[in-house]
C-alpha atoms as a PDB file:
ATOM      1  CA  UNK A   1       6.764 -16.178  15.238  1.00  0.00           C
ATOM      2  CA  UNK A   2       5.301 -13.122  13.769  1.00  0.00           C
ATOM      3  CA  UNK A   3       8.940 -11.865  13.163  1.00  0.00           C
ATOM      4  CA  UNK A   4       9.986 -15.230  11.649  1.00  0.00           C
ATOM      5  CA  UNK A   5       6.876 -15.206   9.445  1.00  0.00           C
ATOM      6  CA  UNK A   6       7.828 -11.842   8.208  1.00  0.00           C
ATOM      7  CA  UNK A   7      11.292 -12.933   7.460  1.00  0.00           C
ATOM      8  CA  UNK A   8       9.963 -15.740   5.255  1.00  0.00           C
ATOM      9  CA  UNK A   9       7.855 -13.415   3.326  1.00  0.00           C
ATOM     10  CA  UNK A  10      10.876 -11.344   2.759  1.00  0.00           C
ATOM     11  CA  UNK A  11      12.724 -14.620   1.639  1.00  0.00           C
ATOM     12  CA  UNK A  12      10.067 -15.137  -1.059  1.00  0.00           C
ATOM     13  CA  UNK A  13       9.939 -11.403  -2.010  1.00  0.00           C
ATOM     14  CA  UNK A  14       6.155 -11.317  -1.217  1.00  0.00           C
ATOM     15  CA  UNK A  15       6.513  -7.616  -1.034  1.00  0.00           C
ATOM     16  CA  UNK A  16       7.980  -7.255  -4.578  1.00  0.00           C
ATOM     17  CA  UNK A  17       5.438  -8.932  -7.025  1.00  0.00           C
ATOM     18  CA  UNK A  18       7.269  -7.700 -10.068  1.00  0.00           C
ATOM     19  CA  UNK A  19       9.105 -11.166 -10.312  1.00  0.00           C
ATOM     20  CA  UNK A  20       5.986 -12.970 -10.230  1.00  0.00           C
ATOM     21  CA  UNK A  21       4.351 -10.875 -12.952  1.00  0.00           C
ATOM     22  CA  UNK A  22       7.426 -11.348 -15.181  1.00  0.00           C
ATOM     23  CA  UNK A  23       6.631 -15.008 -14.999  1.00  0.00           C
ATOM     24  CA  UNK A  24       3.061 -14.814 -15.263  1.00  0.00           C
ATOM     25  CA  UNK A  25       2.627 -12.690 -18.317  1.00  0.00           C
ATOM     26  CA  UNK A  26       4.524 -15.100 -20.785  1.00  0.00           C
ATOM     27  CA  UNK A  27       2.560 -17.954 -19.199  1.00  0.00           C
ATOM     28  CA  UNK A  28      -0.699 -16.039 -19.929  1.00  0.00           C
ATOM     29  CA  UNK A  29       0.594 -15.327 -23.574  1.00  0.00           C
ATOM     30  CA  UNK A  30       0.800 -19.211 -23.954  1.00  0.00           C
ATOM     31  CA  UNK A  31      -2.406 -20.081 -22.202  1.00  0.00           C
ATOM     32  CA  UNK A  32      -4.395 -17.637 -24.206  1.00  0.00           C
ATOM     33  CA  UNK A  33      -2.860 -18.705 -27.636  1.00  0.00           C
ATOM     34  CA  UNK A  34      -3.150 -22.508 -26.813  1.00  0.00           C
ATOM     35  CA  UNK A  35      -6.958 -21.974 -25.875  1.00  0.00           C
ATOM     36  CA  UNK A  36      -7.634 -19.712 -28.649  1.00  0.00           C
ATOM     37  CA  UNK A  37      -8.585 -16.841 -26.138  1.00  0.00           C
ATOM     38  CA  UNK A  38     -10.946 -19.077 -24.010  1.00  0.00           C
ATOM     39  CA  UNK A  39      -8.941 -20.558 -21.317  1.00  0.00           C
ATOM     40  CA  UNK A  40     -10.543 -22.840 -18.792  1.00  0.00           C
ATOM     41  CA  UNK A  41     -10.861 -21.155 -15.392  1.00  0.00           C
ATOM     42  CA  UNK A  42      -9.127 -24.164 -13.795  1.00  0.00           C
ATOM     43  CA  UNK A  43      -6.251 -23.844 -16.015  1.00  0.00           C
ATOM     44  CA  UNK A  44      -5.967 -20.121 -15.363  1.00  0.00           C
ATOM     45  CA  UNK A  45      -6.058 -20.665 -11.650  1.00  0.00           C
ATOM     46  CA  UNK A  46      -3.611 -23.375 -11.623  1.00  0.00           C
ATOM     47  CA  UNK A  47      -0.900 -21.657 -13.948  1.00  0.00           C
ATOM     48  CA  UNK A  48      -1.352 -18.284 -11.995  1.00  0.00           C
ATOM     49  CA  UNK A  49      -0.924 -19.721  -8.612  1.00  0.00           C
ATOM     50  CA  UNK A  50       1.880 -21.960  -9.989  1.00  0.00           C
ATOM     51  CA  UNK A  51       3.712 -18.825 -11.162  1.00  0.00           C
ATOM     52  CA  UNK A  52       3.580 -17.240  -7.706  1.00  0.00           C
ATOM     53  CA  UNK A  53       4.778 -20.551  -5.951  1.00  0.00           C
ATOM     54  CA  UNK A  54       7.498 -21.263  -8.367  1.00  0.00           C
ATOM     55  CA  UNK A  55       8.930 -17.721  -8.491  1.00  0.00           C
ATOM     56  CA  UNK A  56       8.829 -17.744  -4.560  1.00  0.00           C
ATOM     57  CA  UNK A  57      10.735 -21.005  -4.562  1.00  0.00           C
ATOM     58  CA  UNK A  58      13.224 -19.642  -6.859  1.00  0.00           C
ATOM     59  CA  UNK A  59      13.781 -16.528  -4.605  1.00  0.00           C
ATOM     60  CA  UNK A  60      14.476 -18.884  -1.790  1.00  0.00           C
ATOM     61  CA  UNK A  61      16.934 -20.927  -3.548  1.00  0.00           C
ATOM     62  CA  UNK A  62      18.589 -17.804  -5.003  1.00  0.00           C
ATOM     63  CA  UNK A  63      19.078 -16.375  -1.582  1.00  0.00           C
ATOM     64  CA  UNK A  64      20.654 -19.779  -0.462  1.00  0.00           C
ATOM     65  CA  UNK A  65      23.087 -19.817  -3.413  1.00  0.00           C
ATOM     66  CA  UNK A  66      24.014 -16.196  -3.060  1.00  0.00           C
ATOM     67  CA  UNK A  67      24.231 -16.020   0.665  1.00  0.00           C
ATOM     68  CA  UNK A  68      28.036 -15.480   0.527  1.00  0.00           C
ATOM     69  CA  UNK A  69      27.778 -12.953  -2.244  1.00  0.00           C
ATOM     70  CA  UNK A  70      24.735 -10.890  -1.051  1.00  0.00           C
ATOM     71  CA  UNK A  71      26.479  -9.464   1.829  1.00  0.00           C
ATOM     72  CA  UNK A  72      29.003  -7.634  -0.381  1.00  0.00           C
ATOM     73  CA  UNK A  73      26.287  -5.967  -2.516  1.00  0.00           C
ATOM     74  CA  UNK A  74      24.811  -2.781  -1.039  1.00  0.00           C
ATOM     75  CA  UNK A  75      21.354  -3.612  -2.566  1.00  0.00           C
ATOM     76  CA  UNK A  76      21.082  -7.204  -1.155  1.00  0.00           C
ATOM     77  CA  UNK A  77      23.155  -7.217   2.086  1.00  0.00           C
ATOM     78  CA  UNK A  78      20.030  -7.043   4.192  1.00  0.00           C
ATOM     79  CA  UNK A  79      18.307 -10.130   2.642  1.00  0.00           C
ATOM     80  CA  UNK A  80      17.037 -12.643   5.112  1.00  0.00           C
ATOM     81  CA  UNK A  81      19.716 -15.489   4.517  1.00  0.00           C
ATOM     82  CA  UNK A  82      22.731 -13.457   4.170  1.00  0.00           C
ATOM     83  CA  UNK A  83      21.864 -11.403   7.170  1.00  0.00           C
ATOM     84  CA  UNK A  84      21.280 -14.281   9.263  1.00  0.00           C
ATOM     85  CA  UNK A  85      17.617 -13.823   9.951  1.00  0.00           C
ATOM     86  CA  UNK A  86      16.841 -17.111   7.949  1.00  0.00           C
ATOM     87  CA  UNK A  87      19.299 -19.962   7.897  1.00  0.00           C
ATOM     88  CA  UNK A  88      20.423 -21.752   4.694  1.00  0.00           C
ATOM     89  CA  UNK A  89      18.516 -24.844   5.823  1.00  0.00           C
ATOM     90  CA  UNK A  90      15.277 -22.986   6.325  1.00  0.00           C
ATOM     91  CA  UNK A  91      15.559 -21.376   2.857  1.00  0.00           C
ATOM     92  CA  UNK A  92      16.024 -24.811   1.333  1.00  0.00           C
ATOM     93  CA  UNK A  93      12.990 -26.185   3.168  1.00  0.00           C
ATOM     94  CA  UNK A  94      10.904 -23.250   2.218  1.00  0.00           C
ATOM     95  CA  UNK A  95      11.779 -23.838  -1.477  1.00  0.00           C
ATOM     96  CA  UNK A  96      11.161 -27.553  -1.247  1.00  0.00           C
ATOM     97  CA  UNK A  97       7.824 -26.929   0.366  1.00  0.00           C
ATOM     98  CA  UNK A  98       6.728 -24.439  -2.354  1.00  0.00           C
ATOM     99  CA  UNK A  99       7.815 -26.803  -5.068  1.00  0.00           C
ATOM    100  CA  UNK A 100       5.864 -29.587  -3.561  1.00  0.00           C
ATOM    101  CA  UNK A 101       2.734 -27.534  -3.513  1.00  0.00           C
ATOM    102  CA  UNK A 102       3.351 -26.606  -6.996  1.00  0.00           C
ATOM    103  CA  UNK A 103       3.497 -30.225  -7.866  1.00  0.00           C
ATOM    104  CA  UNK A 104       0.428 -31.045  -6.076  1.00  0.00           C
ATOM    105  CA  UNK A 105      -1.264 -28.130  -7.930  1.00  0.00           C
ATOM    106  CA  UNK A 106      -0.550 -29.374 -11.424  1.00  0.00           C
ATOM    107  CA  UNK A 107      -1.884 -32.942 -10.613  1.00  0.00           C
ATOM    108  CA  UNK A 108      -5.182 -32.277 -12.479  1.00  0.00           C
ATOM    109  CA  UNK A 109      -3.378 -31.428 -15.642  1.00  0.00           C
ATOM    110  CA  UNK A 110      -2.324 -34.075 -18.216  1.00  0.00           C
ATOM    111  CA  UNK A 111       0.760 -36.240 -18.059  1.00  0.00           C
ATOM    112  CA  UNK A 112       2.589 -34.153 -20.647  1.00  0.00           C
ATOM    113  CA  UNK A 113       2.265 -30.997 -18.704  1.00  0.00           C
ATOM    114  CA  UNK A 114       3.344 -32.776 -15.451  1.00  0.00           C
ATOM    115  CA  UNK A 115       6.389 -34.192 -17.296  1.00  0.00           C
ATOM    116  CA  UNK A 116       7.297 -30.810 -18.352  1.00  0.00           C
ATOM    117  CA  UNK A 117       7.377 -29.482 -14.671  1.00  0.00           C
ATOM    118  CA  UNK A 118      10.455 -31.724 -14.017  1.00  0.00           C
ATOM    119  CA  UNK A 119      12.885 -29.755 -16.115  1.00  0.00           C
ATOM    120  CA  UNK A 120      11.026 -26.641 -15.138  1.00  0.00           C
ATOM    121  CA  UNK A 121      11.935 -27.282 -11.479  1.00  0.00           C
ATOM    122  CA  UNK A 122      15.531 -28.363 -12.379  1.00  0.00           C
ATOM    123  CA  UNK A 123      16.305 -25.191 -14.336  1.00  0.00           C
ATOM    124  CA  UNK A 124      14.913 -22.821 -11.720  1.00  0.00           C
ATOM    125  CA  UNK A 125      17.117 -24.642  -9.181  1.00  0.00           C
ATOM    126  CA  UNK A 126      20.216 -24.486 -11.394  1.00  0.00           C
ATOM    127  CA  UNK A 127      19.821 -20.843 -12.395  1.00  0.00           C
ATOM    128  CA  UNK A 128      21.233 -19.160  -9.190  1.00  0.00           C
ATOM    129  CA  UNK A 129      24.362 -21.138  -9.454  1.00  0.00           C
ATOM    130  CA  UNK A 130      25.061 -20.293 -13.175  1.00  0.00           C
ATOM    131  CA  UNK A 131      26.166 -16.802 -12.131  1.00  0.00           C
ATOM    132  CA  UNK A 132      29.433 -18.464 -10.975  1.00  0.00           C
ATOM    133  CA  UNK A 133      30.448 -19.902 -14.489  1.00  0.00           C
ATOM    134  CA  UNK A 134      28.063 -18.858 -17.184  1.00  0.00           C
ATOM    135  CA  UNK A 135      28.789 -15.570 -18.886  1.00  0.00           C
ATOM    136  CA  UNK A 136      25.088 -14.817 -19.629  1.00  0.00           C
ATOM    137  CA  UNK A 137      23.119 -16.341 -16.722  1.00  0.00           C
ATOM    138  CA  UNK A 138      20.122 -14.218 -17.814  1.00  0.00           C
ATOM    139  CA  UNK A 139      19.502 -16.503 -20.716  1.00  0.00           C
ATOM    140  CA  UNK A 140      19.050 -19.413 -18.166  1.00  0.00           C
ATOM    141  CA  UNK A 141      16.802 -17.232 -16.306  1.00  0.00           C
ATOM    142  CA  UNK A 142      14.736 -16.737 -19.465  1.00  0.00           C
ATOM    143  CA  UNK A 143      14.482 -20.425 -20.052  1.00  0.00           C
ATOM    144  CA  UNK A 144      13.246 -20.954 -16.469  1.00  0.00           C
ATOM    145  CA  UNK A 145      10.707 -18.075 -16.817  1.00  0.00           C
ATOM    146  CA  UNK A 146       9.436 -19.514 -20.223  1.00  0.00           C
ATOM    147  CA  UNK A 147       8.433 -23.070 -18.950  1.00  0.00           C
ATOM    148  CA  UNK A 148       4.770 -21.830 -18.464  1.00  0.00           C
ATOM    149  CA  UNK A 149       4.383 -21.543 -22.163  1.00  0.00           C
ATOM    150  CA  UNK A 150       5.063 -25.054 -23.311  1.00  0.00           C
ATOM    151  CA  UNK A 151       3.414 -26.351 -20.262  1.00  0.00           C
ATOM    152  CA  UNK A 152       0.290 -24.236 -21.054  1.00  0.00           C
ATOM    153  CA  UNK A 153       0.101 -25.679 -24.556  1.00  0.00           C
ATOM    154  CA  UNK A 154       0.811 -29.089 -23.319  1.00  0.00           C
ATOM    155  CA  UNK A 155      -2.223 -28.805 -20.845  1.00  0.00           C
ATOM    156  CA  UNK A 156      -4.505 -27.416 -23.411  1.00  0.00           C
ATOM    157  CA  UNK A 157      -3.513 -29.054 -26.689  1.00  0.00           C
ATOM    158  CA  UNK A 158      -1.349 -31.905 -25.519  1.00  0.00           C
ATOM    159  CA  UNK A 159       1.318 -30.819 -28.106  1.00  0.00           C
ATOM    160  CA  UNK A 160       3.821 -27.837 -28.321  1.00  0.00           C
ATOM    161  CA  UNK A 161       3.370 -26.325 -31.805  1.00  0.00           C
ATOM    162  CA  UNK A 162       5.838 -23.971 -33.532  1.00  0.00           C
ATOM    163  CA  UNK A 163       4.078 -20.776 -32.401  1.00  0.00           C
ATOM    164  CA  UNK A 164       4.719 -21.924 -28.741  1.00  0.00           C
ATOM    165  CA  UNK A 165       8.418 -22.042 -29.447  1.00  0.00           C
ATOM    166  CA  UNK A 166       8.248 -18.610 -31.054  1.00  0.00           C
ATOM    167  CA  UNK A 167       6.768 -17.297 -27.800  1.00  0.00           C
ATOM    168  CA  UNK A 168       9.687 -19.063 -25.814  1.00  0.00           C
ATOM    169  CA  UNK A 169      12.212 -17.368 -28.089  1.00  0.00           C
ATOM    170  CA  UNK A 170      10.608 -14.050 -27.496  1.00  0.00           C
ATOM    171  CA  UNK A 171      10.414 -14.482 -23.778  1.00  0.00           C
ATOM    172  CA  UNK A 172      14.124 -15.550 -23.306  1.00  0.00           C
ATOM    173  CA  UNK A 173      15.121 -12.568 -25.401  1.00  0.00           C
ATOM    174  CA  UNK A 174      12.747 -10.233 -23.282  1.00  0.00           C
ATOM    175  CA  UNK A 175      14.400 -11.729 -20.046  1.00  0.00           C
ATOM    176  CA  UNK A 176      17.909 -11.154 -21.167  1.00  0.00           C
ATOM    177  CA  UNK A 177      16.835  -7.523 -21.925  1.00  0.00           C
ATOM    178  CA  UNK A 178      15.233  -6.619 -18.613  1.00  0.00           C
ATOM    179  CA  UNK A 179      17.531  -8.619 -16.500  1.00  0.00           C
ATOM    180  CA  UNK A 180      20.425  -6.898 -18.182  1.00  0.00           C
ATOM    181  CA  UNK A 181      19.017  -3.683 -16.972  1.00  0.00           C
ATOM    182  CA  UNK A 182      18.656  -5.177 -13.569  1.00  0.00           C
ATOM    183  CA  UNK A 183      22.297  -6.328 -13.544  1.00  0.00           C
ATOM    184  CA  UNK A 184      23.471  -2.928 -14.618  1.00  0.00           C
ATOM    185  CA  UNK A 185      22.487  -1.762 -11.196  1.00  0.00           C
ATOM    186  CA  UNK A 186      24.881  -4.101  -9.560  1.00  0.00           C
ATOM    187  CA  UNK A 187      27.818  -3.999 -12.144  1.00  0.00           C
ATOM    188  CA  UNK A 188      30.405  -2.619  -9.865  1.00  0.00           C
ATOM    189  CA  UNK A 189      29.640  -4.799  -6.992  1.00  0.00           C
ATOM    190  CA  UNK A 190      29.369  -7.875  -8.997  1.00  0.00           C
ATOM    191  CA  UNK A 191      32.733  -7.078 -10.699  1.00  0.00           C
ATOM    192  CA  UNK A 192      34.328  -6.839  -7.354  1.00  0.00           C
ATOM    193  CA  UNK A 193      33.091 -10.313  -5.995  1.00  0.00           C
ATOM    194  CA  UNK A 194      33.573 -12.073  -9.338  1.00  0.00           C
ATOM    195  CA  UNK A 195      29.829 -12.854 -10.289  1.00  0.00           C
ATOM    196  CA  UNK A 196      29.174 -13.198 -13.983  1.00  0.00           C
ATOM    197  CA  UNK A 197      26.191 -11.150 -15.520  1.00  0.00           C
ATOM    198  CA  UNK A 198      25.174 -10.072 -18.857  1.00  0.00           C
ATOM    199  CA  UNK A 199      25.868  -6.467 -18.064  1.00  0.00           C
ATOM    200  CA  UNK A 200      29.383  -7.361 -17.415  1.00  0.00           C
ATOM    201  CA  UNK A 201      29.835  -9.695 -20.423  1.00  0.00           C
ATOM    202  CA  UNK A 202      28.220  -7.216 -22.959  1.00  0.00           C
ATOM    203  CA  UNK A 203      30.408  -4.360 -21.484  1.00  0.00           C
ATOM    204  CA  UNK A 204      29.965  -1.056 -23.567  1.00  0.00           C
ATOM    205  CA  UNK A 205      27.558  -2.875 -25.911  1.00  0.00           C
ATOM    206  CA  UNK A 206      25.100  -3.711 -23.047  1.00  0.00           C
ATOM    207  CA  UNK A 207      22.304  -1.162 -24.270  1.00  0.00           C
ATOM    208  CA  UNK A 208      22.802  -2.214 -27.960  1.00  0.00           C
ATOM    209  CA  UNK A 209      22.353  -5.959 -27.058  1.00  0.00           C
ATOM    210  CA  UNK A 210      19.360  -5.167 -24.991  1.00  0.00           C
ATOM    211  CA  UNK A 211      17.692  -3.328 -27.864  1.00  0.00           C
ATOM    212  CA  UNK A 212      18.532  -6.295 -30.169  1.00  0.00           C
ATOM    213  CA  UNK A 213      16.871  -8.618 -27.584  1.00  0.00           C
ATOM    214  CA  UNK A 214      13.778  -6.442 -27.595  1.00  0.00           C
ATOM    215  CA  UNK A 215      13.859  -6.505 -31.405  1.00  0.00           C
ATOM    216  CA  UNK A 216      13.730 -10.303 -31.262  1.00  0.00           C
ATOM    217  CA  UNK A 217      10.749 -10.312 -28.783  1.00  0.00           C
ATOM    218  CA  UNK A 218       8.766  -7.772 -30.618  1.00  0.00           C
ATOM    219  CA  UNK A 219       9.516  -9.473 -34.061  1.00  0.00           C
ATOM    220  CA  UNK A 220       8.622 -12.853 -32.820  1.00  0.00           C
ATOM    221  CA  UNK A 221       5.289 -11.450 -31.806  1.00  0.00           C
ATOM    222  CA  UNK A 222       4.772 -10.042 -35.184  1.00  0.00           C
ATOM    223  CA  UNK A 223       5.499 -13.375 -36.725  1.00  0.00           C
ATOM    224  CA  UNK A 224       2.909 -15.043 -34.589  1.00  0.00           C
ATOM    225  CA  UNK A 225       0.416 -12.505 -35.568  1.00  0.00           C
ATOM    226  CA  UNK A 226       0.934 -12.903 -39.336  1.00  0.00           C
ATOM    227  CA  UNK A 227       0.916 -16.715 -38.980  1.00  0.00           C
ATOM    228  CA  UNK A 228      -2.329 -16.717 -36.946  1.00  0.00           C
ATOM    229  CA  UNK A 229      -3.959 -13.825 -38.895  1.00  0.00           C
ATOM    230  CA  UNK A 230      -4.705 -11.958 -35.596  1.00  0.00           C
ATOM    231  CA  UNK A 231      -7.060  -8.981 -35.949  1.00  0.00           C
ATOM    232  CA  UNK A 232      -5.928  -5.375 -36.320  1.00  0.00           C
ATOM    233  CA  UNK A 233      -6.521  -4.787 -32.543  1.00  0.00           C
ATOM    234  CA  UNK A 234      -3.240  -6.741 -32.148  1.00  0.00           C
ATOM    235  CA  UNK A 235      -1.070  -4.255 -33.916  1.00  0.00           C
ATOM    236  CA  UNK A 236      -2.407  -1.385 -31.790  1.00  0.00           C
ATOM    237  CA  UNK A 237      -0.998  -2.945 -28.708  1.00  0.00           C
ATOM    238  CA  UNK A 238       2.065  -4.133 -30.479  1.00  0.00           C
ATOM    239  CA  UNK A 239       2.819  -0.508 -31.498  1.00  0.00           C
ATOM    240  CA  UNK A 240       2.280   0.442 -27.987  1.00  0.00           C
ATOM    241  CA  UNK A 241       4.913  -2.218 -26.994  1.00  0.00           C
ATOM    242  CA  UNK A 242       7.347  -0.588 -29.595  1.00  0.00           C
ATOM    243  CA  UNK A 243       6.833   2.809 -27.729  1.00  0.00           C
ATOM    244  CA  UNK A 244       7.457   1.210 -24.372  1.00  0.00           C
ATOM    245  CA  UNK A 245      10.784  -0.134 -25.709  1.00  0.00           C
ATOM    246  CA  UNK A 246      11.826   3.211 -26.869  1.00  0.00           C
ATOM    247  CA  UNK A 247      10.879   4.452 -23.299  1.00  0.00           C
ATOM    248  CA  UNK A 248      13.347   1.697 -21.797  1.00  0.00           C
ATOM    249  CA  UNK A 249      16.005   2.733 -24.027  1.00  0.00           C
ATOM    250  CA  UNK A 250      15.732   6.363 -22.707  1.00  0.00           C
ATOM    251  CA  UNK A 251      15.898   5.065 -19.138  1.00  0.00           C
ATOM    252  CA  UNK A 252      18.963   2.789 -19.664  1.00  0.00           C
ATOM    253  CA  UNK A 253      20.954   4.764 -22.230  1.00  0.00           C
ATOM    254  CA  UNK A 254      22.872   6.698 -19.585  1.00  0.00           C
ATOM    255  CA  UNK A 255      23.413   3.670 -17.476  1.00  0.00           C
ATOM    256  CA  UNK A 256      22.317   5.439 -14.256  1.00  0.00           C
ATOM    257  CA  UNK A 257      21.652   2.630 -11.807  1.00  0.00           C
ATOM    258  CA  UNK A 258      18.482   4.063 -10.438  1.00  0.00           C
ATOM    259  CA  UNK A 259      17.097   4.527 -13.983  1.00  0.00           C
ATOM    260  CA  UNK A 260      18.235   0.941 -14.939  1.00  0.00           C
ATOM    261  CA  UNK A 261      16.212  -0.424 -11.872  1.00  0.00           C
ATOM    262  CA  UNK A 262      13.259   1.558 -12.977  1.00  0.00           C
ATOM    263  CA  UNK A 263      13.352   0.188 -16.646  1.00  0.00           C
ATOM    264  CA  UNK A 264      13.663  -3.298 -15.090  1.00  0.00           C
ATOM    265  CA  UNK A 265      10.477  -2.846 -12.969  1.00  0.00           C
ATOM    266  CA  UNK A 266       8.574  -1.092 -15.670  1.00  0.00           C
ATOM    267  CA  UNK A 267       9.156  -4.191 -18.144  1.00  0.00           C
ATOM    268  CA  UNK A 268       5.952  -5.380 -16.462  1.00  0.00           C
ATOM    269  CA  UNK A 269       4.194  -3.014 -18.652  1.00  0.00           C
ATOM    270  CA  UNK A 270       5.489  -4.504 -21.862  1.00  0.00           C
ATOM    271  CA  UNK A 271       4.455  -8.073 -20.712  1.00  0.00           C
ATOM    272  CA  UNK A 272       0.956  -6.711 -19.804  1.00  0.00           C
ATOM    273  CA  UNK A 273       0.790  -5.073 -23.234  1.00  0.00           C
ATOM    274  CA  UNK A 274       1.839  -7.922 -25.358  1.00  0.00           C
ATOM    275  CA  UNK A 275      -0.780 -10.168 -23.304  1.00  0.00           C
ATOM    276  CA  UNK A 276      -3.503  -7.578 -24.202  1.00  0.00           C
ATOM    277  CA  UNK A 277      -2.324  -7.619 -27.803  1.00  0.00           C
ATOM    278  CA  UNK A 278      -3.096 -11.461 -27.773  1.00  0.00           C
ATOM    279  CA  UNK A 279      -6.251 -11.161 -25.656  1.00  0.00           C
ATOM    280  CA  UNK A 280      -8.133  -8.471 -27.541  1.00  0.00           C
ATOM    281  CA  UNK A 281      -7.325  -9.761 -31.016  1.00  0.00           C
END
């Protein structure tokens, strides 16, 4: 029983919280802006726990979808499903259970927010399969990781204003950037097995496109700050975000897999910095 429970924890990447954080930060961006910096404790708890549950469910679906591919990639060959420690059926059941708990969690929210959870789940479930036919599946990941933004505005304001969509654009671009760095780690294996990723699609322009995506992210935040007349404190953290982007460039510019993976993991710092930019201003 203890061994099986450990396998389930590995299935949902419990020991690798970076994915949860990459979902959580944009959700908190939206929640703080929607509530003018004063979110309800209930909303904070619901969205924070929901980010963990849905990311965990997404990992289970991802391992189910990639079970025949992961065994051919050195970094993923020991994952629970592809290695046989967790059956495909078990992975789907875990994902379904986590999605159900997530739905029960949002029942206190208004109907608008509840309705938005339906496409959120659908996109999260579809994403792992897009690597078979879509040239930039990282864009689909960005959409999946962005649903916390309109849902938070819907829960707080019962509407989704223009600034919420600017945040969505910023987050999709950010996801393409950091997940391209992630995809650069497995590029050779992915080419061999026929999976589509942005790192393959962008080819020699991969670093350039990543920097353009970061520019869209940081530019969208600047537009929001001007539109909402945020205080000067915002620009201090915004400048720190620019410095982090330059640091990521240094890491990925030589396309060394270990450095690219480090860049991916440290994108958590950018999400946190942009959150602090909003929170302190």
